């Protein structure tokens, strides 16, 4: 799972195995160990919500994903999910969670576990 942040926009990109694991367990997490404090980001399936939600607590970004949408995302053609989430402080955060496609340019990254790019 990769993360991209710019301004009040956050995007997670998931490989095939990430999507399969998430749909079966309802949880994914990544961490980078900075010297003083690790930074983590998570994707959590949550009951009772119909749109993506976001939270940031204890150096962990958590994106909440409607549990109902985990039932067949790994096997269907839905590329991703998006929402503009309003925080308790009234700020709008644009959230996007999507399947990671093979890049159209020459990338040095191993892309064997990525989804086929429909534009190639």
C-alpha atoms as a PDB file:
ATOM      1  CA  UNK A   1       0.000   0.000   0.000  1.00  0.00           C
ATOM      2  CA  UNK A   2       1.375   3.379  -1.030  1.00  0.00           C
ATOM      3  CA  UNK A   3       0.381   6.782   0.294  1.00  0.00           C
ATOM      4  CA  UNK A   4       0.334  10.160  -1.435  1.00  0.00           C
ATOM      5  CA  UNK A   5      -0.471  13.371   0.429  1.00  0.00           C
ATOM      6  CA  UNK A   6      -0.778  16.874  -1.006  1.00  0.00           C
ATOM      7  CA  UNK A   7      -2.551  19.665   0.815  1.00  0.00           C
ATOM      8  CA  UNK A   8      -5.830  18.300   2.163  1.00  0.00           C
ATOM      9  CA  UNK A   9      -5.810  15.342  -0.223  1.00  0.00           C
ATOM     10  CA  UNK A  10      -4.773  11.814   0.708  1.00  0.00           C
ATOM     11  CA  UNK A  11      -4.592   8.797  -1.575  1.00  0.00           C
ATOM     12  CA  UNK A  12      -3.800   5.157  -0.897  1.00  0.00           C
ATOM     13  CA  UNK A  13      -2.902   2.851  -3.783  1.00  0.00           C
ATOM     14  CA  UNK A  14      -3.234  -0.876  -3.222  1.00  0.00           C
ATOM     15  CA  UNK A  15      -1.625  -3.733  -5.146  1.00  0.00           C
ATOM     16  CA  UNK A  16      -3.565  -6.896  -5.986  1.00  0.00           C
ATOM     17  CA  UNK A  17      -2.375  -8.679  -2.849  1.00  0.00           C
ATOM     18  CA  UNK A  18      -3.137  -5.593  -0.726  1.00  0.00           C
ATOM     19  CA  UNK A  19      -6.735  -5.543  -2.002  1.00  0.00           C
ATOM     20  CA  UNK A  20      -7.123  -9.295  -1.437  1.00  0.00           C
ATOM     21  CA  UNK A  21      -5.714  -9.080   2.102  1.00  0.00           C
ATOM     22  CA  UNK A  22      -7.802  -6.034   2.954  1.00  0.00           C
ATOM     23  CA  UNK A  23     -11.019  -7.574   1.643  1.00  0.00           C
ATOM     24  CA  UNK A  24     -10.441 -10.763   3.654  1.00  0.00           C
ATOM     25  CA  UNK A  25      -9.123  -9.221   6.909  1.00  0.00           C
ATOM     26  CA  UNK A  26     -10.511  -5.675   6.888  1.00  0.00           C
ATOM     27  CA  UNK A  27      -7.130  -4.184   7.777  1.00  0.00           C
ATOM     28  CA  UNK A  28      -3.871  -2.988   6.172  1.00  0.00           C
ATOM     29  CA  UNK A  29      -1.037  -1.041   7.758  1.00  0.00           C
ATOM     30  CA  UNK A  30       2.340   0.398   6.752  1.00  0.00           C
ATOM     31  CA  UNK A  31       4.980   2.040   8.927  1.00  0.00           C
ATOM     32  CA  UNK A  32       8.168   4.039   8.506  1.00  0.00           C
ATOM     33  CA  UNK A  33      10.498   4.071  11.512  1.00  0.00           C
ATOM     34  CA  UNK A  34      11.712   7.625  11.997  1.00  0.00           C
ATOM     35  CA  UNK A  35      14.398   8.029  14.653  1.00  0.00           C
ATOM     36  CA  UNK A  36      12.137   9.468  17.332  1.00  0.00           C
ATOM     37  CA  UNK A  37       8.645   8.252  16.470  1.00  0.00           C
ATOM     38  CA  UNK A  38       7.315   5.852  13.840  1.00  0.00           C
ATOM     39  CA  UNK A  39       4.754   7.137  11.347  1.00  0.00           C
ATOM     40  CA  UNK A  40       2.004   4.731  10.321  1.00  0.00           C
ATOM     41  CA  UNK A  41      -0.914   4.711   7.963  1.00  0.00           C
ATOM     42  CA  UNK A  42      -3.795   2.262   7.998  1.00  0.00           C
ATOM     43  CA  UNK A  43      -6.849   1.208   6.096  1.00  0.00           C
ATOM     44  CA  UNK A  44      -9.640  -0.172   8.279  1.00  0.00           C
ATOM     45  CA  UNK A  45     -12.987  -1.661   7.227  1.00  0.00           C
ATOM     46  CA  UNK A  46     -15.720  -0.164   9.393  1.00  0.00           C
ATOM     47  CA  UNK A  47     -19.338  -1.204   9.913  1.00  0.00           C
ATOM     48  CA  UNK A  48     -22.064   1.408   9.706  1.00  0.00           C
ATOM     49  CA  UNK A  49     -20.460   3.901   7.333  1.00  0.00           C
ATOM     50  CA  UNK A  50     -21.295   4.471   3.674  1.00  0.00           C
ATOM     51  CA  UNK A  51     -18.395   6.768   2.701  1.00  0.00           C
ATOM     52  CA  UNK A  52     -14.658   6.921   3.342  1.00  0.00           C
ATOM     53  CA  UNK A  53     -13.626   8.643   6.570  1.00  0.00           C
ATOM     54  CA  UNK A  54     -10.264   9.833   7.925  1.00  0.00           C
ATOM     55  CA  UNK A  55      -8.601  10.213  11.307  1.00  0.00           C
ATOM     56  CA  UNK A  56      -5.136  11.155  12.556  1.00  0.00           C
ATOM     57  CA  UNK A  57      -4.206  10.093  16.084  1.00  0.00           C
ATOM     58  CA  UNK A  58      -0.828   9.232  17.674  1.00  0.00           C
ATOM     59  CA  UNK A  59       1.103   9.654  14.379  1.00  0.00           C
ATOM     60  CA  UNK A  60      -1.243   7.244  12.586  1.00  0.00           C
ATOM     61  CA  UNK A  61      -3.356   8.209   9.591  1.00  0.00           C
ATOM     62  CA  UNK A  62      -6.375   5.914   9.528  1.00  0.00           C
ATOM     63  CA  UNK A  63      -8.716   5.798   6.574  1.00  0.00           C
ATOM     64  CA  UNK A  64     -11.997   4.047   7.284  1.00  0.00           C
ATOM     65  CA  UNK A  65     -13.587   2.108   4.437  1.00  0.00           C
ATOM     66  CA  UNK A  66     -17.221   0.925   4.374  1.00  0.00           C
ATOM     67  CA  UNK A  67     -17.122  -2.759   5.345  1.00  0.00           C
ATOM     68  CA  UNK A  68     -19.963  -3.538   2.938  1.00  0.00           C
ATOM     69  CA  UNK A  69     -17.670  -2.587   0.019  1.00  0.00           C
ATOM     70  CA  UNK A  70     -15.033  -5.178   0.982  1.00  0.00           C
ATOM     71  CA  UNK A  71     -17.236  -8.109  -0.029  1.00  0.00           C
ATOM     72  CA  UNK A  72     -16.332  -8.099  -3.710  1.00  0.00           C
ATOM     73  CA  UNK A  73     -13.847  -5.303  -4.413  1.00  0.00           C
ATOM     74  CA  UNK A  74     -11.032  -7.827  -4.958  1.00  0.00           C
ATOM     75  CA  UNK A  75     -13.003  -9.521  -7.738  1.00  0.00           C
ATOM     76  CA  UNK A  76     -14.865  -6.671  -9.436  1.00  0.00           C
ATOM     77  CA  UNK A  77     -13.840  -3.906 -11.848  1.00  0.00           C
ATOM     78  CA  UNK A  78     -14.293  -1.026  -9.402  1.00  0.00           C
ATOM     79  CA  UNK A  79     -11.044   0.950  -9.544  1.00  0.00           C
ATOM     80  CA  UNK A  80     -11.469   2.934  -6.358  1.00  0.00           C
ATOM     81  CA  UNK A  81     -13.516   4.893  -3.873  1.00  0.00           C
ATOM     82  CA  UNK A  82     -13.467   8.590  -3.074  1.00  0.00           C
ATOM     83  CA  UNK A  83     -15.068  11.012  -0.682  1.00  0.00           C
ATOM     84  CA  UNK A  84     -14.610  14.483   0.738  1.00  0.00           C
ATOM     85  CA  UNK A  85     -14.620  13.923   4.497  1.00  0.00           C
ATOM     86  CA  UNK A  86     -15.331  16.801   6.889  1.00  0.00           C
ATOM     87  CA  UNK A  87     -13.333  16.519  10.104  1.00  0.00           C
ATOM     88  CA  UNK A  88     -14.662  17.384  13.556  1.00  0.00           C
ATOM     89  CA  UNK A  89     -12.767  20.696  13.194  1.00  0.00           C
ATOM     90  CA  UNK A  90     -14.702  21.448  10.001  1.00  0.00           C
ATOM     91  CA  UNK A  91     -11.842  20.880   7.557  1.00  0.00           C
ATOM     92  CA  UNK A  92     -12.508  19.076   4.269  1.00  0.00           C
ATOM     93  CA  UNK A  93     -10.158  16.210   3.389  1.00  0.00           C
ATOM     94  CA  UNK A  94     -10.338  14.632  -0.047  1.00  0.00           C
ATOM     95  CA  UNK A  95      -9.807  10.854   0.224  1.00  0.00           C
ATOM     96  CA  UNK A  96      -9.098   8.418  -2.601  1.00  0.00           C
ATOM     97  CA  UNK A  97      -8.432   4.696  -2.257  1.00  0.00           C
ATOM     98  CA  UNK A  98      -7.664   2.903  -5.496  1.00  0.00           C
ATOM     99  CA  UNK A  99      -6.173  -0.163  -7.106  1.00  0.00           C
ATOM    100  CA  UNK A 100      -2.556   0.349  -8.211  1.00  0.00           C
ATOM    101  CA  UNK A 101      -2.096  -0.010 -11.980  1.00  0.00           C
ATOM    102  CA  UNK A 102       1.049  -0.765 -13.930  1.00  0.00           C
ATOM    103  CA  UNK A 103       2.719   2.547 -14.841  1.00  0.00           C
ATOM    104  CA  UNK A 104       2.585   3.739 -18.428  1.00  0.00           C
ATOM    105  CA  UNK A 105       6.184   4.980 -18.316  1.00  0.00           C
ATOM    106  CA  UNK A 106       9.340   3.006 -17.657  1.00  0.00           C
ATOM    107  CA  UNK A 107       9.363   2.550 -13.897  1.00  0.00           C
ATOM    108  CA  UNK A 108      12.136   0.894 -11.905  1.00  0.00           C
ATOM    109  CA  UNK A 109       9.568  -0.293  -9.373  1.00  0.00           C
ATOM    110  CA  UNK A 110       8.585  -3.985  -9.423  1.00  0.00           C
ATOM    111  CA  UNK A 111       5.045  -3.900 -10.783  1.00  0.00           C
ATOM    112  CA  UNK A 112       4.349  -7.635 -11.002  1.00  0.00           C
ATOM    113  CA  UNK A 113       1.665  -7.343  -8.293  1.00  0.00           C
ATOM    114  CA  UNK A 114      -0.103  -4.347  -9.873  1.00  0.00           C
ATOM    115  CA  UNK A 115      -3.324  -4.367 -11.839  1.00  0.00           C
ATOM    116  CA  UNK A 116      -3.093  -4.281 -15.647  1.00  0.00           C
ATOM    117  CA  UNK A 117      -3.342  -0.725 -16.930  1.00  0.00           C
ATOM    118  CA  UNK A 118      -6.398  -0.402 -19.193  1.00  0.00           C
ATOM    119  CA  UNK A 119      -4.586   2.295 -21.189  1.00  0.00           C
ATOM    120  CA  UNK A 120      -1.739  -0.057 -22.201  1.00  0.00           C
END
